[in-house]
Structure formats: C-alpha cells, structure tokens
Amino acid sequence: MIGFRRALVTGGAGFIGSRLVTALLARGHDVTVLDNLSAGRRAAVEPRARLIVGDVRDPLAVEDALSSIDCVYHLAAQVTIRGSFDRFYEDLDTNVMGTANLLRRLPSGAVKWFVLASSMGVYADAPAPRPIDESHPTTPISPYGIGKLAAEQVATQILGMRGVPLTIVRYFNTFGPGQAFTPYVGALTIFITRLLAGKPPVIFGDGEQQRDFVHVDDIVAGTMAGVGRATGVYNLGTGRGTSLNQLAHLAIARVEPSLAPTYEAARPGELRYSVAGITAAREALGFAPSRSLEADIDEVIAEIRQRGVTS
C-alpha cells in the first residue's frame, strides 16, 4: 500500500467500513468517509477521519468526498438479500446507480486504485456444500445479487477504460462485534439478539443450508490487501461451511441453553450453499483468515449485551 495515503471509504460509518477506516488510520492514511448514516453510525467513525454525511448518489457529496483522494474503497450499499425483493428499486438505485455516480465523478488521473466491495450474492446456488471459486457461475437469485454483479461489471468496464487498477472483493457472511441488528442481515447477530431477549432463533427452511462465516477483522485485512498489489476478483471467506442449525445451537449453548430454534418456510433469494473458495485470495493477496465462530462468538455476545439491544 506504499504510495496510497489519501483514502476515501464510502459506507465508512457502517459495520465493516468503520473497522476499515480504523485500520487505514492506524497505517498512517488520511481518510475521508462518505456515509448517509442510514445504517452507519456517526459514533463509529474515528474523529481523525473526515466525515461527509451524504449519499453516494448525490453528485455534490461525491465530488466533495473525492477531493485530494488517491485510493477509493467503495463499500456503500444497501445490504439485504431477502429485503431486496420488496425494496428492489431502492436497492438497485444505491448499489448500481450509486456506483455509477461515484465512477463518473472520479477526478481524471487522481485516483490510482479502486477497491469494490461485492458479495457472495452474485453467485448461482452451489449443488453441494463445497467451496466455490471465482469461476463459479454468476447467476444471482436475488435483486441484491443482480445489483452487486452489475456494479462489478460497470466498474470493470469504466475503470479499465480509464486505466485505474480495480480490486473486487466478494464478501461472504461477515460477523463480529458492532454489527447493527436488522431482520435481514447478520444471522449470528440476529440469533444472539433474540436469545438475549429470551426468544428462540428463527431459521427459515430446514437449517441445513450452509454459510461461510468470516470475522470482520479478516474481511478488513483482505479488503486492504489488494491495493498496490493485485487486481482481479477475490472471494473473502474462510473456506469452511457452517449450517444454520449449527450456528443456532452454538449461540444457544453460549446464551440460553433452555431454548431451541423454531422453523419457518424458506424465503426466496437465499442460497442453499455458500462457502468461499479462497485459494486465489491466499495466493494473490496473502489473505490468511485467522478468526473463527467458536473462538470469537463470545465477544459478539458481550458487545450485544452491553448495547442492550432487544429484538
């Protein structure tokens, strides 16, 4: 990352973005944050960062945020799979047109590297709970996935034409302390929040669907690793699958062993199997995830309990 010292983080007040901002500041970067605070929190942004409260779709806010910037980390997005069916217009407007607005406002010759945060949602479902690599078919089954794939494609085309290096990182299921509770995103946070309120976790479907749960600190490390080092598309996960039944029972054992999960009908847009193949990220980025659900669930429980969140 030598030579890149003035970074813009869109969505930098959010769960992942705020941790990225802190890590960049620790490396001596000057950091600007653009966030509309619809999901992010002002208090999550370190005071040393320059915070612009604005939307990635707003031309004036984006122009302000891009002033004197040499590297962009674009994380701002509507992040929900199930919710994207009801809110498909807002979802696509932010994730596709917001990305397009950012791209068209890039000052000519100023930005030397662009990192785009994408998602496992761009992939087609897998036939078995085995890791999938970046060549797995990209046939999304939700509006969210369609929008993230479109953002990847337009960024690849426009930045390629302008000669700006691009690293795309596809996040799998990120967990860790600081994730806000919503009904749609963050299975572990949802399960723990319900358990702390004395309610059982709710599983949609039979619970045997598998996800790759990767700690936010590993996601941040992988997001930073490509800049100045490698262009291309990379999965960021652990390479290990965990079923929702396993996740629920792990959370129950740590919080309230007297409860048991309840089950409801499966929801549209949810992948059956989603486990990251991370060989490419290991080889090109030196990506080496070191955290795990079993070792790090207690810090998540403690943080949610301290916040006093109830579902």
C-alpha atoms as a PDB file:
ATOM      1  CA  MET A   1       0.000   0.000   0.000  1.00  0.00           C
ATOM      2  CA  ILE A   2       3.052   2.262  -0.271  1.00  0.00           C
ATOM      3  CA  GLY A   3       2.174   5.337  -2.308  1.00  0.00           C
ATOM      4  CA  PHE A   4      -1.506   5.337  -1.368  1.00  0.00           C
ATOM      5  CA  ARG A   5      -2.050   7.666   1.556  1.00  0.00           C
ATOM      6  CA  ARG A   6      -5.335   9.510   0.953  1.00  0.00           C
ATOM      7  CA  ALA A   7      -8.246   7.100   1.037  1.00  0.00           C
ATOM      8  CA  LEU A   8     -11.977   7.516   0.591  1.00  0.00           C
ATOM      9  CA  VAL A   9     -14.163   4.909   2.285  1.00  0.00           C
ATOM     10  CA  THR A  10     -17.781   5.035   1.151  1.00  0.00           C
ATOM     11  CA  GLY A  11     -20.037   3.454   3.746  1.00  0.00           C
ATOM     12  CA  GLY A  12     -17.291   4.148   6.265  1.00  0.00           C
ATOM     13  CA  ALA A  13     -19.669   4.553   9.204  1.00  0.00           C
ATOM     14  CA  GLY A  14     -21.026   1.028   8.792  1.00  0.00           C
ATOM     15  CA  PHE A  15     -20.118  -2.290  10.377  1.00  0.00           C
ATOM     16  CA  ILE A  16     -17.264  -3.210   8.030  1.00  0.00           C
ATOM     17  CA  GLY A  17     -16.493   0.294   6.783  1.00  0.00           C
ATOM     18  CA  SER A  18     -15.803   1.775  10.224  1.00  0.00           C
ATOM     19  CA  ARG A  19     -13.353  -1.047  11.015  1.00  0.00           C
ATOM     20  CA  LEU A  20     -11.658  -0.424   7.683  1.00  0.00           C
ATOM     21  CA  VAL A  21     -11.349   3.285   8.482  1.00  0.00           C
ATOM     22  CA  THR A  22      -9.720   2.499  11.826  1.00  0.00           C
ATOM     23  CA  ALA A  23      -7.251   0.109  10.179  1.00  0.00           C
ATOM     24  CA  LEU A  24      -6.320   2.638   7.483  1.00  0.00           C
ATOM     25  CA  LEU A  25      -5.766   5.367  10.071  1.00  0.00           C
ATOM     26  CA  ALA A  26      -3.543   3.004  12.039  1.00  0.00           C
ATOM     27  CA  ARG A  27      -1.361   2.664   8.937  1.00  0.00           C
ATOM     28  CA  GLY A  28      -0.963   6.408   8.681  1.00  0.00           C
ATOM     29  CA  HIS A  29      -3.503   7.132   5.963  1.00  0.00           C
ATOM     30  CA  ASP A  30      -5.567  10.271   5.675  1.00  0.00           C
ATOM     31  CA  VAL A  31      -9.146   9.011   5.468  1.00  0.00           C
ATOM     32  CA  THR A  32     -12.351  10.593   4.207  1.00  0.00           C
ATOM     33  CA  VAL A  33     -15.655   8.872   4.940  1.00  0.00           C
ATOM     34  CA  LEU A  34     -18.800   9.287   2.858  1.00  0.00           C
ATOM     35  CA  ASP A  35     -21.881   7.848   4.544  1.00  0.00           C
ATOM     36  CA  ASN A  36     -25.540   8.868   4.656  1.00  0.00           C
ATOM     37  CA  LEU A  37     -25.886   7.311   8.151  1.00  0.00           C
ATOM     38  CA  SER A  38     -28.953   5.314   7.096  1.00  0.00           C
ATOM     39  CA  ALA A  39     -27.322   2.220   8.591  1.00  0.00           C
ATOM     40  CA  GLY A  40     -23.969   3.518   9.784  1.00  0.00           C
ATOM     41  CA  ARG A  41     -23.355   5.428  12.992  1.00  0.00           C
ATOM     42  CA  ARG A  42     -21.527   8.732  13.362  1.00  0.00           C
ATOM     43  CA  ALA A  43     -20.053   7.488  16.648  1.00  0.00           C
ATOM     44  CA  ALA A  44     -18.430   4.543  14.847  1.00  0.00           C
ATOM     45  CA  VAL A  45     -16.199   6.864  12.793  1.00  0.00           C
ATOM     46  CA  GLU A  46     -12.892   7.784  14.391  1.00  0.00           C
ATOM     47  CA  PRO A  47     -12.616  11.552  14.908  1.00  0.00           C
ATOM     48  CA  ARG A  48      -9.336  11.593  12.957  1.00  0.00           C
ATOM     49  CA  ALA A  49     -11.258  10.761   9.778  1.00  0.00           C
ATOM     50  CA  ARG A  50     -13.029  13.437   7.753  1.00  0.00           C
ATOM     51  CA  LEU A  51     -16.728  12.535   7.751  1.00  0.00           C
ATOM     52  CA  ILE A  52     -19.017  13.752   4.988  1.00  0.00           C
ATOM     53  CA  VAL A  53     -22.648  12.947   5.723  1.00  0.00           C
ATOM     54  CA  GLY A  54     -24.068  12.387   2.272  1.00  0.00           C
ATOM     55  CA  ASP A  55     -25.355   9.821  -0.169  1.00  0.00           C
ATOM     56  CA  VAL A  56     -23.240   8.071  -2.775  1.00  0.00           C
ATOM     57  CA  ARG A  57     -25.925   9.023  -5.318  1.00  0.00           C
ATOM     58  CA  ASP A  58     -25.502  12.755  -4.574  1.00  0.00           C
ATOM     59  CA  PRO A  59     -23.108  14.333  -7.129  1.00  0.00           C
ATOM     60  CA  LEU A  60     -22.066  17.192  -4.862  1.00  0.00           C
ATOM     61  CA  ALA A  61     -21.361  14.959  -1.863  1.00  0.00           C
ATOM     62  CA  VAL A  62     -19.335  12.585  -4.028  1.00  0.00           C
ATOM     63  CA  GLU A  63     -17.320  15.406  -5.605  1.00  0.00           C
ATOM     64  CA  ASP A  64     -16.516  16.752  -2.143  1.00  0.00           C
ATOM     65  CA  ALA A  65     -15.529  13.297  -0.882  1.00  0.00           C
ATOM     66  CA  LEU A  66     -13.213  12.658  -3.840  1.00  0.00           C
ATOM     67  CA  SER A  67     -11.191  15.834  -3.452  1.00  0.00           C
ATOM     68  CA  SER A  68      -7.485  15.058  -2.841  1.00  0.00           C
ATOM     69  CA  ILE A  69      -8.063  11.274  -2.850  1.00  0.00           C
ATOM     70  CA  ASP A  70      -5.709   8.705  -4.404  1.00  0.00           C
ATOM     71  CA  CYS A  71      -7.469   5.455  -3.404  1.00  0.00           C
ATOM     72  CA  VAL A  72     -11.159   4.526  -3.125  1.00  0.00           C
ATOM     73  CA  TYR A  73     -12.712   1.759  -1.038  1.00  0.00           C
ATOM     74  CA  HIS A  74     -16.324   1.571  -2.182  1.00  0.00           C
ATOM     75  CA  LEU A  75     -18.409  -0.194   0.481  1.00  0.00           C
ATOM     76  CA  ALA A  76     -21.575   1.943   0.469  1.00  0.00           C
ATOM     77  CA  ALA A  77     -24.550  -0.273  -0.368  1.00  0.00           C
ATOM     78  CA  GLN A  78     -27.986  -1.462   0.561  1.00  0.00           C
ATOM     79  CA  VAL A  79     -27.079  -4.830   2.080  1.00  0.00           C
ATOM     80  CA  THR A  80     -30.001  -7.213   2.194  1.00  0.00           C
ATOM     81  CA  ILE A  81     -30.933 -10.260   0.169  1.00  0.00           C
ATOM     82  CA  ARG A  82     -34.463 -11.058   1.345  1.00  0.00           C
ATOM     83  CA  GLY A  83     -35.282  -7.360   1.690  1.00  0.00           C
ATOM     84  CA  SER A  84     -34.186  -6.615  -1.865  1.00  0.00           C
ATOM     85  CA  PHE A  85     -37.345  -8.240  -3.239  1.00  0.00           C
ATOM     86  CA  ASP A  86     -39.580  -5.668  -1.558  1.00  0.00           C
ATOM     87  CA  ARG A  87     -37.121  -2.785  -1.918  1.00  0.00           C
ATOM     88  CA  PHE A  88     -35.655  -3.680  -5.297  1.00  0.00           C
ATOM     89  CA  TYR A  89     -35.789  -0.128  -6.674  1.00  0.00           C
ATOM     90  CA  GLU A  90     -34.009   1.442  -3.688  1.00  0.00           C
ATOM     91  CA  ASP A  91     -31.558  -1.454  -3.607  1.00  0.00           C
ATOM     92  CA  LEU A  92     -30.610  -1.157  -7.286  1.00  0.00           C
ATOM     93  CA  ASP A  93     -30.601   2.631  -7.182  1.00  0.00           C
ATOM     94  CA  THR A  94     -27.996   2.656  -4.413  1.00  0.00           C
ATOM     95  CA  ASN A  95     -25.893  -0.319  -5.432  1.00  0.00           C
ATOM     96  CA  VAL A  96     -25.809   0.257  -9.192  1.00  0.00           C
ATOM     97  CA  MET A  97     -26.506   3.956  -9.761  1.00  0.00           C
ATOM     98  CA  GLY A  98     -24.577   4.933  -6.644  1.00  0.00           C
ATOM     99  CA  THR A  99     -21.560   3.088  -8.010  1.00  0.00           C
ATOM    100  CA  ALA A 100     -22.069   4.700 -11.424  1.00  0.00           C
ATOM    101  CA  ASN A 101     -22.252   8.157  -9.838  1.00  0.00           C
ATOM    102  CA  LEU A 102     -19.013   7.524  -7.969  1.00  0.00           C
ATOM    103  CA  LEU A 103     -17.280   6.323 -11.130  1.00  0.00           C
ATOM    104  CA  ARG A 104     -18.351   9.281 -13.235  1.00  0.00           C
ATOM    105  CA  ARG A 105     -17.119  11.750 -10.598  1.00  0.00           C
ATOM    106  CA  LEU A 106     -13.611  10.296 -10.284  1.00  0.00           C
ATOM    107  CA  PRO A 107     -11.131  13.109 -10.978  1.00  0.00           C
ATOM    108  CA  SER A 108      -9.079  12.305 -14.064  1.00  0.00           C
ATOM    109  CA  GLY A 109      -5.673  10.913 -13.129  1.00  0.00           C
ATOM    110  CA  ALA A 110      -6.061  11.442  -9.388  1.00  0.00           C
ATOM    111  CA  VAL A 111      -7.352   8.071  -8.178  1.00  0.00           C
ATOM    112  CA  LYS A 112      -4.650   5.408  -8.516  1.00  0.00           C
ATOM    113  CA  TRP A 113      -6.556   2.378  -7.176  1.00  0.00           C
ATOM    114  CA  PHE A 114     -10.185   1.392  -6.685  1.00  0.00           C
ATOM    115  CA  VAL A 115     -11.489  -1.358  -4.394  1.00  0.00           C
ATOM    116  CA  LEU A 116     -15.085  -2.510  -4.837  1.00  0.00           C
ATOM    117  CA  ALA A 117     -16.794  -4.488  -2.086  1.00  0.00           C
ATOM    118  CA  SER A 118     -19.057  -7.088  -3.663  1.00  0.00           C
ATOM    119  CA  SER A 119     -20.857 -10.138  -2.340  1.00  0.00           C
ATOM    120  CA  MET A 120     -21.387 -13.865  -2.416  1.00  0.00           C
ATOM    121  CA  GLY A 121     -24.862 -12.894  -3.652  1.00  0.00           C
ATOM    122  CA  VAL A 122     -23.518 -12.612  -7.207  1.00  0.00           C
ATOM    123  CA  TYR A 123     -23.157 -16.397  -7.441  1.00  0.00           C
ATOM    124  CA  ALA A 124     -25.588 -19.071  -8.528  1.00  0.00           C
ATOM    125  CA  ASP A 125     -26.508 -21.636  -5.917  1.00  0.00           C
ATOM    126  CA  ALA A 126     -23.992 -24.432  -5.427  1.00  0.00           C
ATOM    127  CA  PRO A 127     -25.027 -28.085  -5.797  1.00  0.00           C
ATOM    128  CA  ALA A 128     -23.203 -29.154  -2.611  1.00  0.00           C
ATOM    129  CA  PRO A 129     -21.655 -27.562   0.487  1.00  0.00           C
ATOM    130  CA  ARG A 130     -18.195 -27.328  -1.058  1.00  0.00           C
ATOM    131  CA  PRO A 131     -16.125 -24.156  -1.529  1.00  0.00           C
ATOM    132  CA  ILE A 132     -16.768 -22.304  -4.777  1.00  0.00           C
ATOM    133  CA  ASP A 133     -14.094 -20.286  -6.525  1.00  0.00           C
ATOM    134  CA  GLU A 134     -14.386 -17.086  -8.546  1.00  0.00           C
ATOM    135  CA  SER A 135     -15.185 -19.036 -11.740  1.00  0.00           C
ATOM    136  CA  HIS A 136     -18.444 -20.340 -10.255  1.00  0.00           C
ATOM    137  CA  PRO A 137     -21.432 -19.204 -12.366  1.00  0.00           C
ATOM    138  CA  THR A 138     -22.605 -15.679 -11.604  1.00  0.00           C
ATOM    139  CA  THR A 139     -26.358 -16.115 -11.954  1.00  0.00           C
ATOM    140  CA  PRO A 140     -27.795 -14.229  -8.959  1.00  0.00           C
ATOM    141  CA  ILE A 141     -31.122 -15.326  -7.494  1.00  0.00           C
ATOM    142  CA  SER A 142     -31.987 -12.016  -5.797  1.00  0.00           C
ATOM    143  CA  PRO A 143     -32.228  -8.364  -6.878  1.00  0.00           C
ATOM    144  CA  TYR A 144     -29.411  -7.658  -4.424  1.00  0.00           C
ATOM    145  CA  GLY A 145     -27.123 -10.102  -6.182  1.00  0.00           C
ATOM    146  CA  ILE A 146     -28.091  -8.734  -9.590  1.00  0.00           C
ATOM    147  CA  GLY A 147     -27.230  -5.217  -8.457  1.00  0.00           C
ATOM    148  CA  LYS A 148     -23.866  -6.194  -6.985  1.00  0.00           C
ATOM    149  CA  LEU A 149     -22.922  -8.056 -10.162  1.00  0.00           C
ATOM    150  CA  ALA A 150     -23.944  -5.064 -12.285  1.00  0.00           C
ATOM    151  CA  ALA A 151     -21.796  -2.807 -10.090  1.00  0.00           C
ATOM    152  CA  GLU A 152     -18.832  -5.148 -10.627  1.00  0.00           C
ATOM    153  CA  GLN A 153     -19.337  -5.131 -14.374  1.00  0.00           C
ATOM    154  CA  VAL A 154     -19.718  -1.390 -14.815  1.00  0.00           C
ATOM    155  CA  ALA A 155     -16.720  -0.717 -12.556  1.00  0.00           C
ATOM    156  CA  THR A 156     -14.609  -3.207 -14.510  1.00  0.00           C
ATOM    157  CA  GLN A 157     -15.547  -1.621 -17.815  1.00  0.00           C
ATOM    158  CA  ILE A 158     -15.249   2.054 -16.872  1.00  0.00           C
ATOM    159  CA  LEU A 159     -12.110   1.778 -14.746  1.00  0.00           C
ATOM    160  CA  GLY A 160     -10.485  -0.481 -17.327  1.00  0.00           C
ATOM    161  CA  MET A 161     -11.123   2.158 -19.987  1.00  0.00           C
ATOM    162  CA  ARG A 162      -9.583   4.818 -17.714  1.00  0.00           C
ATOM    163  CA  GLY A 163      -6.601   2.734 -16.689  1.00  0.00           C
ATOM    164  CA  VAL A 164      -7.445   2.683 -12.975  1.00  0.00           C
ATOM    165  CA  PRO A 165      -6.497  -0.607 -11.253  1.00  0.00           C
ATOM    166  CA  LEU A 166      -9.514  -2.377  -9.720  1.00  0.00           C
ATOM    167  CA  THR A 167      -9.697  -4.987  -6.995  1.00  0.00           C
ATOM    168  CA  ILE A 168     -13.097  -6.615  -6.399  1.00  0.00           C
ATOM    169  CA  VAL A 169     -13.583  -8.454  -3.116  1.00  0.00           C
ATOM    170  CA  ARG A 170     -16.646 -10.651  -2.693  1.00  0.00           C
ATOM    171  CA  TYR A 171     -17.632 -10.798   0.959  1.00  0.00           C
ATOM    172  CA  PHE A 172     -19.193 -13.907   2.417  1.00  0.00           C
ATOM    173  CA  ASN A 173     -21.139 -13.864   5.720  1.00  0.00           C
ATOM    174  CA  THR A 174     -19.343 -11.339   7.892  1.00  0.00           C
ATOM    175  CA  PHE A 175     -19.720 -11.454  11.665  1.00  0.00           C
ATOM    176  CA  GLY A 176     -18.197  -9.647  14.609  1.00  0.00           C
ATOM    177  CA  PRO A 177     -18.917  -7.054  17.285  1.00  0.00           C
ATOM    178  CA  GLY A 178     -20.551  -3.832  16.173  1.00  0.00           C
ATOM    179  CA  GLN A 179     -22.976  -5.232  13.627  1.00  0.00           C
ATOM    180  CA  ALA A 180     -26.336  -3.478  13.936  1.00  0.00           C
ATOM    181  CA  PHE A 181     -29.436  -5.596  14.360  1.00  0.00           C
ATOM    182  CA  THR A 182     -31.748  -5.804  11.345  1.00  0.00           C
ATOM    183  CA  PRO A 183     -34.259  -8.523  10.455  1.00  0.00           C
ATOM    184  CA  TYR A 184     -32.377  -9.307   7.236  1.00  0.00           C
ATOM    185  CA  VAL A 185     -28.596  -9.203   7.673  1.00  0.00           C
ATOM    186  CA  GLY A 186     -26.228 -10.990  10.033  1.00  0.00           C
ATOM    187  CA  ALA A 187     -27.571 -14.368  11.130  1.00  0.00           C
ATOM    188  CA  LEU A 188     -25.353 -14.554  14.207  1.00  0.00           C
ATOM    189  CA  THR A 189     -26.279 -11.063  15.388  1.00  0.00           C
ATOM    190  CA  ILE A 190     -29.972 -11.826  14.828  1.00  0.00           C
ATOM    191  CA  PHE A 191     -29.786 -15.131  16.713  1.00  0.00           C
ATOM    192  CA  ILE A 192     -27.893 -13.660  19.674  1.00  0.00           C
ATOM    193  CA  THR A 193     -30.152 -10.601  19.891  1.00  0.00           C
ATOM    194  CA  ARG A 194     -33.237 -12.788  20.042  1.00  0.00           C
ATOM    195  CA  LEU A 195     -31.694 -15.117  22.613  1.00  0.00           C
ATOM    196  CA  LEU A 196     -30.706 -12.229  24.873  1.00  0.00           C
ATOM    197  CA  ALA A 197     -34.341 -11.078  24.682  1.00  0.00           C
ATOM    198  CA  GLY A 198     -35.477 -14.544  25.773  1.00  0.00           C
ATOM    199  CA  LYS A 199     -36.699 -15.528  22.306  1.00  0.00           C
ATOM    200  CA  PRO A 200     -35.650 -18.550  20.232  1.00  0.00           C
ATOM    201  CA  PRO A 201     -33.713 -18.052  16.997  1.00  0.00           C
ATOM    202  CA  VAL A 202     -35.846 -18.431  13.878  1.00  0.00           C
ATOM    203  CA  ILE A 203     -34.496 -20.496  10.985  1.00  0.00           C
ATOM    204  CA  PHE A 204     -36.044 -20.200   7.533  1.00  0.00           C
ATOM    205  CA  GLY A 205     -36.062 -23.630   5.889  1.00  0.00           C
ATOM    206  CA  ASP A 206     -34.609 -26.813   7.350  1.00  0.00           C
ATOM    207  CA  GLY A 207     -31.465 -25.181   8.688  1.00  0.00           C
ATOM    208  CA  GLU A 208     -29.104 -27.389   6.713  1.00  0.00           C
ATOM    209  CA  GLN A 209     -28.186 -24.567   4.348  1.00  0.00           C
ATOM    210  CA  GLN A 210     -24.517 -23.706   4.819  1.00  0.00           C
ATOM    211  CA  ARG A 211     -22.769 -20.356   5.053  1.00  0.00           C
ATOM    212  CA  ASP A 212     -19.168 -19.229   5.360  1.00  0.00           C
ATOM    213  CA  PHE A 213     -18.923 -17.032   8.474  1.00  0.00           C
ATOM    214  CA  VAL A 214     -15.858 -14.794   8.348  1.00  0.00           C
ATOM    215  CA  HIS A 215     -14.794 -12.322  11.037  1.00  0.00           C
ATOM    216  CA  VAL A 216     -14.948  -8.624  10.210  1.00  0.00           C
ATOM    217  CA  ASP A 217     -11.245  -8.169  11.008  1.00  0.00           C
ATOM    218  CA  ASP A 218     -10.331 -10.793   8.414  1.00  0.00           C
ATOM    219  CA  ILE A 219     -12.614  -9.059   5.901  1.00  0.00           C
ATOM    220  CA  VAL A 220     -10.886  -5.740   6.576  1.00  0.00           C
ATOM    221  CA  ALA A 221      -7.444  -7.300   6.130  1.00  0.00           C
ATOM    222  CA  GLY A 222      -8.489  -8.835   2.820  1.00  0.00           C
ATOM    223  CA  THR A 223     -10.052  -5.590   1.619  1.00  0.00           C
ATOM    224  CA  MET A 224      -6.843  -3.666   2.252  1.00  0.00           C
ATOM    225  CA  ALA A 225      -4.527  -6.328   0.853  1.00  0.00           C
ATOM    226  CA  GLY A 226      -5.122  -5.795  -2.851  1.00  0.00           C
ATOM    227  CA  VAL A 227      -4.205  -2.121  -3.084  1.00  0.00           C
ATOM    228  CA  GLY A 228      -0.918  -1.721  -4.913  1.00  0.00           C
ATOM    229  CA  ARG A 229      -0.589  -5.483  -5.113  1.00  0.00           C
ATOM    230  CA  ALA A 230      -3.217  -7.300  -7.174  1.00  0.00           C
ATOM    231  CA  THR A 231      -6.154  -6.505  -9.420  1.00  0.00           C
ATOM    232  CA  GLY A 232      -8.931  -9.004 -10.125  1.00  0.00           C
ATOM    233  CA  VAL A 233     -11.813 -10.643  -8.278  1.00  0.00           C
ATOM    234  CA  TYR A 234     -11.370 -12.430  -4.963  1.00  0.00           C
ATOM    235  CA  ASN A 235     -13.604 -14.296  -2.531  1.00  0.00           C
ATOM    236  CA  LEU A 236     -13.148 -13.339   1.112  1.00  0.00           C
ATOM    237  CA  GLY A 237     -14.312 -16.049   3.495  1.00  0.00           C
ATOM    238  CA  THR A 238     -12.797 -18.886   5.494  1.00  0.00           C
ATOM    239  CA  GLY A 239     -13.339 -21.857   3.209  1.00  0.00           C
ATOM    240  CA  ARG A 240     -15.369 -23.554   5.947  1.00  0.00           C
ATOM    241  CA  GLY A 241     -19.112 -24.080   5.897  1.00  0.00           C
ATOM    242  CA  THR A 242     -21.423 -23.896   8.926  1.00  0.00           C
ATOM    243  CA  SER A 243     -25.084 -24.834   8.775  1.00  0.00           C
ATOM    244  CA  LEU A 244     -27.673 -22.516  10.275  1.00  0.00           C
ATOM    245  CA  ASN A 245     -28.617 -25.355  12.628  1.00  0.00           C
ATOM    246  CA  GLN A 246     -25.024 -25.488  13.861  1.00  0.00           C
ATOM    247  CA  LEU A 247     -24.913 -21.719  14.207  1.00  0.00           C
ATOM    248  CA  ALA A 248     -28.158 -21.627  16.183  1.00  0.00           C
ATOM    249  CA  HIS A 249     -27.061 -24.377  18.563  1.00  0.00           C
ATOM    250  CA  LEU A 250     -23.693 -22.690  19.122  1.00  0.00           C
ATOM    251  CA  ALA A 251     -25.425 -19.427  20.039  1.00  0.00           C
ATOM    252  CA  ILE A 252     -27.988 -21.196  22.222  1.00  0.00           C
ATOM    253  CA  ALA A 253     -25.262 -23.047  24.138  1.00  0.00           C
ATOM    254  CA  ARG A 254     -23.472 -19.770  24.903  1.00  0.00           C
ATOM    255  CA  VAL A 255     -26.530 -17.638  25.732  1.00  0.00           C
ATOM    256  CA  GLU A 256     -29.631 -19.584  26.781  1.00  0.00           C
ATOM    257  CA  PRO A 257     -29.427 -23.405  26.708  1.00  0.00           C
ATOM    258  CA  SER A 258     -33.091 -23.799  27.661  1.00  0.00           C
ATOM    259  CA  LEU A 259     -34.262 -22.529  24.254  1.00  0.00           C
ATOM    260  CA  ALA A 260     -34.443 -24.282  20.894  1.00  0.00           C
ATOM    261  CA  PRO A 261     -34.674 -22.873  17.375  1.00  0.00           C
ATOM    262  CA  THR A 262     -38.022 -22.535  15.637  1.00  0.00           C
ATOM    263  CA  TYR A 263     -38.527 -23.037  11.925  1.00  0.00           C
ATOM    264  CA  GLU A 264     -40.433 -21.160   9.233  1.00  0.00           C
ATOM    265  CA  ALA A 265     -40.761 -21.601   5.492  1.00  0.00           C
ATOM    266  CA  ALA A 266     -37.696 -20.876   3.387  1.00  0.00           C
ATOM    267  CA  ARG A 267     -37.551 -17.385   1.874  1.00  0.00           C
ATOM    268  CA  PRO A 268     -36.856 -16.529  -1.768  1.00  0.00           C
ATOM    269  CA  GLY A 269     -33.403 -15.421  -2.844  1.00  0.00           C
ATOM    270  CA  GLU A 270     -31.464 -17.373  -0.223  1.00  0.00           C
ATOM    271  CA  LEU A 271     -28.641 -19.598  -1.478  1.00  0.00           C
ATOM    272  CA  ARG A 272     -28.678 -23.175  -0.231  1.00  0.00           C
ATOM    273  CA  TYR A 273     -24.900 -23.495  -0.086  1.00  0.00           C
ATOM    274  CA  SER A 274     -22.479 -20.591   0.008  1.00  0.00           C
ATOM    275  CA  VAL A 275     -18.908 -21.439   1.041  1.00  0.00           C
ATOM    276  CA  ALA A 276     -15.937 -19.447  -0.246  1.00  0.00           C
ATOM    277  CA  GLY A 277     -13.038 -20.932  -2.139  1.00  0.00           C
ATOM    278  CA  ILE A 278     -10.183 -18.634  -1.082  1.00  0.00           C
ATOM    279  CA  THR A 279      -7.168 -20.062  -2.921  1.00  0.00           C
ATOM    280  CA  ALA A 280      -6.974 -17.052  -5.254  1.00  0.00           C
ATOM    281  CA  ALA A 281      -7.070 -14.596  -2.347  1.00  0.00           C
ATOM    282  CA  ARG A 282      -4.420 -16.549  -0.463  1.00  0.00           C
ATOM    283  CA  GLU A 283      -2.068 -16.600  -3.448  1.00  0.00           C
ATOM    284  CA  ALA A 284      -2.601 -13.067  -4.793  1.00  0.00           C
ATOM    285  CA  LEU A 285      -3.375 -11.110  -1.620  1.00  0.00           C
ATOM    286  CA  GLY A 286      -1.700 -13.159   1.076  1.00  0.00           C
ATOM    287  CA  PHE A 287      -5.144 -13.497   2.620  1.00  0.00           C
ATOM    288  CA  ALA A 288      -4.983 -15.692   5.731  1.00  0.00           C
ATOM    289  CA  PRO A 289      -8.164 -15.566   7.857  1.00  0.00           C
ATOM    290  CA  SER A 290      -7.324 -16.305  11.472  1.00  0.00           C
ATOM    291  CA  ARG A 291     -10.602 -15.887  13.365  1.00  0.00           C
ATOM    292  CA  SER A 292     -13.435 -18.383  13.900  1.00  0.00           C
ATOM    293  CA  LEU A 293     -17.007 -18.557  15.116  1.00  0.00           C
ATOM    294  CA  GLU A 294     -16.150 -20.809  18.041  1.00  0.00           C
ATOM    295  CA  ALA A 295     -13.316 -18.610  19.276  1.00  0.00           C
ATOM    296  CA  ASP A 296     -14.920 -15.234  18.667  1.00  0.00           C
ATOM    297  CA  ILE A 297     -18.642 -15.638  19.353  1.00  0.00           C
ATOM    298  CA  ASP A 298     -18.237 -14.551  22.982  1.00  0.00           C
ATOM    299  CA  GLU A 299     -17.044 -11.054  22.012  1.00  0.00           C
ATOM    300  CA  VAL A 300     -20.133 -10.694  19.820  1.00  0.00           C
ATOM    301  CA  ILE A 301     -22.404 -11.777  22.680  1.00  0.00           C
ATOM    302  CA  ALA A 302     -20.686  -9.396  25.110  1.00  0.00           C
ATOM    303  CA  GLU A 303     -20.971  -6.430  22.733  1.00  0.00           C
ATOM    304  CA  ILE A 304     -24.669  -7.010  22.006  1.00  0.00           C
ATOM    305  CA  ARG A 305     -25.388  -7.476  25.705  1.00  0.00           C
ATOM    306  CA  GLN A 306     -23.526  -4.254  26.511  1.00  0.00           C
ATOM    307  CA  ARG A 307     -25.588  -2.358  23.908  1.00  0.00           C
ATOM    308  CA  GLY A 308     -28.763  -3.710  25.484  1.00  0.00           C
ATOM    309  CA  VAL A 309     -30.296  -4.475  22.089  1.00  0.00           C
ATOM    310  CA  THR A 310     -33.614  -6.284  22.052  1.00  0.00           C
ATOM    311  CA  SER A 311     -35.417  -7.720  19.034  1.00  0.00           C
END
